[in-house]
Amino acid sequence: MPVQITIRGVPEEVRDTLAARAALKRQSMQEYLRAELVRMAERPTLDSWLDEVRRRKDAAGTSIATSEILDARDADRR
């Protein structure tokens, strides 16, 4: 069952920016914010994503030196 969420103290400039973004998508502010909240909730947080990357790296037991990564990057630019 859907719930109501109220957010107080939103700066006027933030509200105006969000309203403009909603208008560009031809959505009401409620539709726009609901979609953004769903999108945010579907993605992992940066911390949880980094934890998962570290876990997988540790499980693989491999390591690449920073200099090797930078050399490979720079080789593509030549």
PDB file of N, CA and C in Angstrom:
ATOM      1  N   MET A   1       0.845  -1.179   0.000  1.00  0.00           N
ATOM      2  CA  MET A   1       0.000   0.000   0.000  1.00  0.00           C
ATOM      3  C   MET A   1       0.889   1.239   0.000  1.00  0.00           C
ATOM      4  N   PRO A   2       0.631   2.182  -0.890  1.00  0.00           N
ATOM      5  CA  PRO A   2       1.426   3.410  -0.941  1.00  0.00           C
ATOM      6  C   PRO A   2       1.315   4.201   0.354  1.00  0.00           C
ATOM      7  N   VAL A   3       2.382   4.918   0.657  1.00  0.00           N
ATOM      8  CA  VAL A   3       2.410   5.760   1.860  1.00  0.00           C
ATOM      9  C   VAL A   3       2.644   7.203   1.452  1.00  0.00           C
ATOM     10  N   GLN A   4       2.363   8.089   2.360  1.00  0.00           N
ATOM     11  CA  GLN A   4       2.585   9.519   2.154  1.00  0.00           C
ATOM     12  C   GLN A   4       3.920   9.893   2.769  1.00  0.00           C
ATOM     13  N   ILE A   5       4.676  10.733   2.098  1.00  0.00           N
ATOM     14  CA  ILE A   5       5.935  11.256   2.630  1.00  0.00           C
ATOM     15  C   ILE A   5       5.868  12.776   2.538  1.00  0.00           C
ATOM     16  N   THR A   6       6.187  13.431   3.637  1.00  0.00           N
ATOM     17  CA  THR A   6       6.230  14.888   3.660  1.00  0.00           C
ATOM     18  C   THR A   6       7.656  15.313   3.963  1.00  0.00           C
ATOM     19  N   ILE A   7       8.159  16.250   3.192  1.00  0.00           N
ATOM     20  CA  ILE A   7       9.502  16.772   3.430  1.00  0.00           C
ATOM     21  C   ILE A   7       9.374  18.270   3.683  1.00  0.00           C
ATOM     22  N   ARG A   8       9.780  18.666   4.866  1.00  0.00           N
ATOM     23  CA  ARG A   8       9.696  20.082   5.238  1.00  0.00           C
ATOM     24  C   ARG A   8      11.063  20.745   5.075  1.00  0.00           C
ATOM     25  N   GLY A   9      11.027  22.040   4.928  1.00  0.00           N
ATOM     26  CA  GLY A   9      12.262  22.803   4.918  1.00  0.00           C
ATOM     27  C   GLY A   9      13.033  22.726   3.615  1.00  0.00           C
ATOM     28  N   VAL A  10      12.362  22.421   2.517  1.00  0.00           N
ATOM     29  CA  VAL A  10      13.039  22.381   1.220  1.00  0.00           C
ATOM     30  C   VAL A  10      13.239  23.821   0.746  1.00  0.00           C
ATOM     31  N   PRO A  11      14.478  24.187   0.432  1.00  0.00           N
ATOM     32  CA  PRO A  11      14.711  25.554  -0.035  1.00  0.00           C
ATOM     33  C   PRO A  11      13.905  25.853  -1.309  1.00  0.00           C
ATOM     34  N   GLU A  12      13.468  27.088  -1.411  1.00  0.00           N
ATOM     35  CA  GLU A  12      12.643  27.506  -2.539  1.00  0.00           C
ATOM     36  C   GLU A  12      13.346  27.263  -3.878  1.00  0.00           C
ATOM     37  N   GLU A  13      14.658  27.496  -3.922  1.00  0.00           N
ATOM     38  CA  GLU A  13      15.409  27.294  -5.174  1.00  0.00           C
ATOM     39  C   GLU A  13      15.388  25.831  -5.594  1.00  0.00           C
ATOM     40  N   VAL A  14      15.458  24.940  -4.609  1.00  0.00           N
ATOM     41  CA  VAL A  14      15.423  23.497  -4.897  1.00  0.00           C
ATOM     42  C   VAL A  14      14.051  23.123  -5.444  1.00  0.00           C
ATOM     43  N   ARG A  15      13.012  23.619  -4.793  1.00  0.00           N
ATOM     44  CA  ARG A  15      11.658  23.360  -5.273  1.00  0.00           C
ATOM     45  C   ARG A  15      11.474  23.861  -6.693  1.00  0.00           C
ATOM     46  N   ASP A  16      11.982  25.055  -6.978  1.00  0.00           N
ATOM     47  CA  ASP A  16      11.846  25.621  -8.313  1.00  0.00           C
ATOM     48  C   ASP A  16      12.588  24.780  -9.357  1.00  0.00           C
ATOM     49  N   THR A  17      13.775  24.311  -9.005  1.00  0.00           N
ATOM     50  CA  THR A  17      14.541  23.471  -9.927  1.00  0.00           C
ATOM     51  C   THR A  17      13.804  22.166 -10.203  1.00  0.00           C
ATOM     52  N   LEU A  18      13.280  21.543  -9.156  1.00  0.00           N
ATOM     53  CA  LEU A  18      12.543  20.284  -9.327  1.00  0.00           C
ATOM     54  C   LEU A  18      11.266  20.498 -10.141  1.00  0.00           C
ATOM     55  N   ALA A  19      10.596  21.613  -9.902  1.00  0.00           N
ATOM     56  CA  ALA A  19       9.385  21.917 -10.662  1.00  0.00           C
ATOM     57  C   ALA A  19       9.713  22.107 -12.137  1.00  0.00           C
ATOM     58  N   ALA A  20      10.829  22.755 -12.426  1.00  0.00           N
ATOM     59  CA  ALA A  20      11.229  22.957 -13.820  1.00  0.00           C
ATOM     60  C   ALA A  20      11.563  21.617 -14.478  1.00  0.00           C
ATOM     61  N   ARG A  21      12.249  20.743 -13.766  1.00  0.00           N
ATOM     62  CA  ARG A  21      12.570  19.422 -14.321  1.00  0.00           C
ATOM     63  C   ARG A  21      11.303  18.616 -14.585  1.00  0.00           C
ATOM     64  N   ALA A  22      10.353  18.698 -13.666  1.00  0.00           N
ATOM     65  CA  ALA A  22       9.082  18.000 -13.849  1.00  0.00           C
ATOM     66  C   ALA A  22       8.359  18.543 -15.080  1.00  0.00           C
ATOM     67  N   ALA A  23       8.354  19.857 -15.225  1.00  0.00           N
ATOM     68  CA  ALA A  23       7.670  20.477 -16.365  1.00  0.00           C
ATOM     69  C   ALA A  23       8.312  20.056 -17.681  1.00  0.00           C
ATOM     70  N   LEU A  24       9.637  19.959 -17.712  1.00  0.00           N
ATOM     71  CA  LEU A  24      10.314  19.526 -18.941  1.00  0.00           C
ATOM     72  C   LEU A  24       9.908  18.114 -19.350  1.00  0.00           C
ATOM     73  N   LYS A  25       9.562  17.299 -18.358  1.00  0.00           N
ATOM     74  CA  LYS A  25       9.118  15.929 -18.646  1.00  0.00           C
ATOM     75  C   LYS A  25       7.592  15.841 -18.769  1.00  0.00           C
ATOM     76  N   ARG A  26       6.961  17.006 -18.697  1.00  0.00           N
ATOM     77  CA  ARG A  26       5.491  17.076 -18.756  1.00  0.00           C
ATOM     78  C   ARG A  26       4.845  16.209 -17.672  1.00  0.00           C
ATOM     79  N   GLN A  27       5.424  16.326 -16.471  1.00  0.00           N
ATOM     80  CA  GLN A  27       4.917  15.595 -15.317  1.00  0.00           C
ATOM     81  C   GLN A  27       4.566  16.578 -14.210  1.00  0.00           C
ATOM     82  N   SER A  28       3.674  16.127 -13.347  1.00  0.00           N
ATOM     83  CA  SER A  28       3.434  16.917 -12.140  1.00  0.00           C
ATOM     84  C   SER A  28       4.643  16.740 -11.233  1.00  0.00           C
ATOM     85  N   MET A  29       4.774  17.623 -10.272  1.00  0.00           N
ATOM     86  CA  MET A  29       5.873  17.505  -9.310  1.00  0.00           C
ATOM     87  C   MET A  29       5.769  16.162  -8.594  1.00  0.00           C
ATOM     88  N   GLN A  30       4.571  15.747  -8.238  1.00  0.00           N
ATOM     89  CA  GLN A  30       4.373  14.476  -7.539  1.00  0.00           C
ATOM     90  C   GLN A  30       4.829  13.298  -8.411  1.00  0.00           C
ATOM     91  N   GLU A  31       4.452  13.289  -9.673  1.00  0.00           N
ATOM     92  CA  GLU A  31       4.865  12.210 -10.578  1.00  0.00           C
ATOM     93  C   GLU A  31       6.385  12.170 -10.718  1.00  0.00           C
ATOM     94  N   TYR A  32       6.966  13.347 -10.909  1.00  0.00           N
ATOM     95  CA  TYR A  32       8.411  13.438 -11.085  1.00  0.00           C
ATOM     96  C   TYR A  32       9.151  12.940  -9.850  1.00  0.00           C
ATOM     97  N   LEU A  33       8.761  13.436  -8.679  1.00  0.00           N
ATOM     98  CA  LEU A  33       9.442  13.047  -7.445  1.00  0.00           C
ATOM     99  C   LEU A  33       9.237  11.574  -7.122  1.00  0.00           C
ATOM    100  N   ARG A  34       8.052  11.036  -7.381  1.00  0.00           N
ATOM    101  CA  ARG A  34       7.810   9.613  -7.150  1.00  0.00           C
ATOM    102  C   ARG A  34       8.747   8.779  -8.010  1.00  0.00           C
ATOM    103  N   ALA A  35       8.862   9.125  -9.288  1.00  0.00           N
ATOM    104  CA  ALA A  35       9.743   8.389 -10.196  1.00  0.00           C
ATOM    105  C   ALA A  35      11.203   8.498  -9.752  1.00  0.00           C
ATOM    106  N   GLU A  36      11.616   9.676  -9.313  1.00  0.00           N
ATOM    107  CA  GLU A  36      12.988   9.855  -8.844  1.00  0.00           C
ATOM    108  C   GLU A  36      13.253   9.040  -7.576  1.00  0.00           C
ATOM    109  N   LEU A  37      12.301   9.008  -6.660  1.00  0.00           N
ATOM    110  CA  LEU A  37      12.469   8.217  -5.439  1.00  0.00           C
ATOM    111  C   LEU A  37      12.565   6.728  -5.759  1.00  0.00           C
ATOM    112  N   VAL A  38      11.735   6.256  -6.679  1.00  0.00           N
ATOM    113  CA  VAL A  38      11.787   4.845  -7.086  1.00  0.00           C
ATOM    114  C   VAL A  38      13.140   4.546  -7.720  1.00  0.00           C
ATOM    115  N   ARG A  39      13.607   5.433  -8.598  1.00  0.00           N
ATOM    116  CA  ARG A  39      14.907   5.250  -9.258  1.00  0.00           C
ATOM    117  C   ARG A  39      16.026   5.198  -8.222  1.00  0.00           C
ATOM    118  N   MET A  40      15.980   6.099  -7.248  1.00  0.00           N
ATOM    119  CA  MET A  40      17.008   6.123  -6.197  1.00  0.00           C
ATOM    120  C   MET A  40      16.992   4.834  -5.381  1.00  0.00           C
ATOM    121  N   ALA A  41      15.819   4.352  -5.045  1.00  0.00           N
ATOM    122  CA  ALA A  41      15.703   3.160  -4.208  1.00  0.00           C
ATOM    123  C   ALA A  41      16.133   1.897  -4.956  1.00  0.00           C
ATOM    124  N   GLU A  42      16.013   1.891  -6.284  1.00  0.00           N
ATOM    125  CA  GLU A  42      16.380   0.715  -7.065  1.00  0.00           C
ATOM    126  C   GLU A  42      17.885   0.570  -7.223  1.00  0.00           C
ATOM    127  N   ARG A  43      18.625   1.655  -7.065  1.00  0.00           N
ATOM    128  CA  ARG A  43      20.078   1.623  -7.245  1.00  0.00           C
ATOM    129  C   ARG A  43      20.756   1.443  -5.897  1.00  0.00           C
ATOM    130  N   PRO A  44      21.880   0.717  -5.879  1.00  0.00           N
ATOM    131  CA  PRO A  44      22.593   0.592  -4.606  1.00  0.00           C
ATOM    132  C   PRO A  44      23.233   1.925  -4.228  1.00  0.00           C
ATOM    133  N   THR A  45      23.463   2.106  -2.957  1.00  0.00           N
ATOM    134  CA  THR A  45      24.190   3.293  -2.523  1.00  0.00           C
ATOM    135  C   THR A  45      25.640   3.145  -2.976  1.00  0.00           C
ATOM    136  N   LEU A  46      26.363   4.241  -3.031  1.00  0.00           N
ATOM    137  CA  LEU A  46      27.761   4.194  -3.420  1.00  0.00           C
ATOM    138  C   LEU A  46      28.553   3.304  -2.464  1.00  0.00           C
ATOM    139  N   ASP A  47      28.283   3.428  -1.166  1.00  0.00           N
ATOM    140  CA  ASP A  47      28.997   2.612  -0.187  1.00  0.00           C
ATOM    141  C   ASP A  47      28.736   1.125  -0.385  1.00  0.00           C
ATOM    142  N   SER A  48      27.474   0.735  -0.610  1.00  0.00           N
ATOM    143  CA  SER A  48      27.186  -0.687  -0.796  1.00  0.00           C
ATOM    144  C   SER A  48      27.781  -1.198  -2.106  1.00  0.00           C
ATOM    145  N   TRP A  49      27.776  -0.357  -3.149  1.00  0.00           N
ATOM    146  CA  TRP A  49      28.379  -0.760  -4.425  1.00  0.00           C
ATOM    147  C   TRP A  49      29.887  -0.971  -4.251  1.00  0.00           C
ATOM    148  N   LEU A  50      30.559  -0.036  -3.564  1.00  0.00           N
ATOM    149  CA  LEU A  50      31.992  -0.177  -3.332  1.00  0.00           C
ATOM    150  C   LEU A  50      32.304  -1.400  -2.476  1.00  0.00           C
ATOM    151  N   ASP A  51      31.479  -1.676  -1.477  1.00  0.00           N
ATOM    152  CA  ASP A  51      31.669  -2.885  -0.663  1.00  0.00           C
ATOM    153  C   ASP A  51      31.595  -4.137  -1.524  1.00  0.00           C
ATOM    154  N   GLU A  52      30.643  -4.180  -2.439  1.00  0.00           N
ATOM    155  CA  GLU A  52      30.485  -5.331  -3.329  1.00  0.00           C
ATOM    156  C   GLU A  52      31.681  -5.460  -4.269  1.00  0.00           C
ATOM    157  N   VAL A  53      32.169  -4.349  -4.794  1.00  0.00           N
ATOM    158  CA  VAL A  53      33.349  -4.375  -5.666  1.00  0.00           C
ATOM    159  C   VAL A  53      34.553  -4.900  -4.885  1.00  0.00           C
ATOM    160  N   ARG A  54      34.736  -4.419  -3.677  1.00  0.00           N
ATOM    161  CA  ARG A  54      35.865  -4.878  -2.855  1.00  0.00           C
ATOM    162  C   ARG A  54      35.735  -6.361  -2.534  1.00  0.00           C
ATOM    163  N   ARG A  55      34.526  -6.812  -2.215  1.00  0.00           N
ATOM    164  CA  ARG A  55      34.295  -8.222  -1.908  1.00  0.00           C
ATOM    165  C   ARG A  55      34.647  -9.092  -3.108  1.00  0.00           C
ATOM    166  N   ARG A  56      34.205  -8.685  -4.302  1.00  0.00           N
ATOM    167  CA  ARG A  56      34.488  -9.457  -5.507  1.00  0.00           C
ATOM    168  C   ARG A  56      35.975  -9.446  -5.846  1.00  0.00           C
ATOM    169  N   LYS A  57      36.613  -8.297  -5.630  1.00  0.00           N
ATOM    170  CA  LYS A  57      38.048  -8.200  -5.887  1.00  0.00           C
ATOM    171  C   LYS A  57      38.815  -9.120  -4.949  1.00  0.00           C
ATOM    172  N   ASP A  58      38.459  -9.101  -3.670  1.00  0.00           N
ATOM    173  CA  ASP A  58      39.114  -9.973  -2.698  1.00  0.00           C
ATOM    174  C   ASP A  58      38.878 -11.453  -3.021  1.00  0.00           C
ATOM    175  N   ALA A  59      37.668 -11.778  -3.456  1.00  0.00           N
ATOM    176  CA  ALA A  59      37.351 -13.166  -3.788  1.00  0.00           C
ATOM    177  C   ALA A  59      38.139 -13.641  -5.005  1.00  0.00           C
ATOM    178  N   ALA A  60      38.393 -12.740  -5.937  1.00  0.00           N
ATOM    179  CA  ALA A  60      39.146 -13.096  -7.144  1.00  0.00           C
ATOM    180  C   ALA A  60      40.631 -13.229  -6.850  1.00  0.00           C
ATOM    181  N   GLY A  61      41.096 -12.552  -5.823  1.00  0.00           N
ATOM    182  CA  GLY A  61      42.492 -12.642  -5.430  1.00  0.00           C
ATOM    183  C   GLY A  61      43.461 -12.038  -6.427  1.00  0.00           C
ATOM    184  N   THR A  62      42.981 -11.116  -7.229  1.00  0.00           N
ATOM    185  CA  THR A  62      43.858 -10.471  -8.209  1.00  0.00           C
ATOM    186  C   THR A  62      44.128  -9.040  -7.796  1.00  0.00           C
ATOM    187  N   SER A  63      45.232  -8.525  -8.303  1.00  0.00           N
ATOM    188  CA  SER A  63      45.591  -7.144  -8.011  1.00  0.00           C
ATOM    189  C   SER A  63      46.336  -6.565  -9.210  1.00  0.00           C
ATOM    190  N   ILE A  64      46.005  -5.366  -9.574  1.00  0.00           N
ATOM    191  CA  ILE A  64      46.679  -4.670 -10.671  1.00  0.00           C
ATOM    192  C   ILE A  64      47.212  -3.363 -10.106  1.00  0.00           C
ATOM    193  N   ALA A  65      48.456  -3.101 -10.382  1.00  0.00           N
ATOM    194  CA  ALA A  65      49.078  -1.875  -9.888  1.00  0.00           C
ATOM    195  C   ALA A  65      48.471  -0.662 -10.574  1.00  0.00           C
ATOM    196  N   THR A  66      48.390   0.416  -9.846  1.00  0.00           N
ATOM    197  CA  THR A  66      47.856   1.661 -10.393  1.00  0.00           C
ATOM    198  C   THR A  66      48.617   2.076 -11.643  1.00  0.00           C
ATOM    199  N   SER A  67      49.926   1.912 -11.618  1.00  0.00           N
ATOM    200  CA  SER A  67      50.743   2.305 -12.782  1.00  0.00           C
ATOM    201  C   SER A  67      50.366   1.504 -14.022  1.00  0.00           C
ATOM    202  N   GLU A  68      50.003   0.225 -13.851  1.00  0.00           N
ATOM    203  CA  GLU A  68      49.580  -0.587 -14.998  1.00  0.00           C
ATOM    204  C   GLU A  68      48.265  -0.073 -15.580  1.00  0.00           C
ATOM    205  N   ILE A  69      47.373   0.300 -14.713  1.00  0.00           N
ATOM    206  CA  ILE A  69      46.079   0.830 -15.170  1.00  0.00           C
ATOM    207  C   ILE A  69      46.291   2.130 -15.932  1.00  0.00           C
ATOM    208  N   LEU A  70      47.102   3.013 -15.376  1.00  0.00           N
ATOM    209  CA  LEU A  70      47.353   4.305 -16.041  1.00  0.00           C
ATOM    210  C   LEU A  70      48.088   4.112 -17.368  1.00  0.00           C
ATOM    211  N   ASP A  71      49.041   3.170 -17.414  1.00  0.00           N
ATOM    212  CA  ASP A  71      49.749   2.889 -18.668  1.00  0.00           C
ATOM    213  C   ASP A  71      48.782   2.380 -19.731  1.00  0.00           C
ATOM    214  N   ALA A  72      47.884   1.489 -19.350  1.00  0.00           N
ATOM    215  CA  ALA A  72      46.905   0.960 -20.303  1.00  0.00           C
ATOM    216  C   ALA A  72      45.968   2.073 -20.782  1.00  0.00           C
ATOM    217  N   ARG A  73      45.570   2.932 -19.876  1.00  0.00           N
ATOM    218  CA  ARG A  73      44.713   4.055 -20.255  1.00  0.00           C
ATOM    219  C   ARG A  73      45.431   4.973 -21.231  1.00  0.00           C
ATOM    220  N   ASP A  74      46.670   5.292 -20.923  1.00  0.00           N
ATOM    221  CA  ASP A  74      47.435   6.207 -21.767  1.00  0.00           C
ATOM    222  C   ASP A  74      47.756   5.600 -23.120  1.00  0.00           C
ATOM    223  N   ALA A  75      47.911   4.287 -23.185  1.00  0.00           N
ATOM    224  CA  ALA A  75      48.208   3.625 -24.469  1.00  0.00           C
ATOM    225  C   ALA A  75      47.055   3.797 -25.433  1.00  0.00           C
ATOM    226  N   ASP A  76      45.832   3.819 -24.924  1.00  0.00           N
ATOM    227  CA  ASP A  76      44.639   4.010 -25.765  1.00  0.00           C
ATOM    228  C   ASP A  76      44.542   5.440 -26.301  1.00  0.00           C
ATOM    229  N   ARG A  77      45.249   6.351 -25.689  1.00  0.00           N
ATOM    230  CA  ARG A  77      45.163   7.761 -26.075  1.00  0.00           C
ATOM    231  C   ARG A  77      46.227   8.160 -27.085  1.00  0.00           C
ATOM    232  N   ARG A  78      47.100   7.263 -27.404  1.00  0.00           N
ATOM    233  CA  ARG A  78      48.183   7.592 -28.341  1.00  0.00           C
ATOM    234  C   ARG A  78      47.781   7.333 -29.750  1.00  0.00           C
TER     235      ARG A  78
END
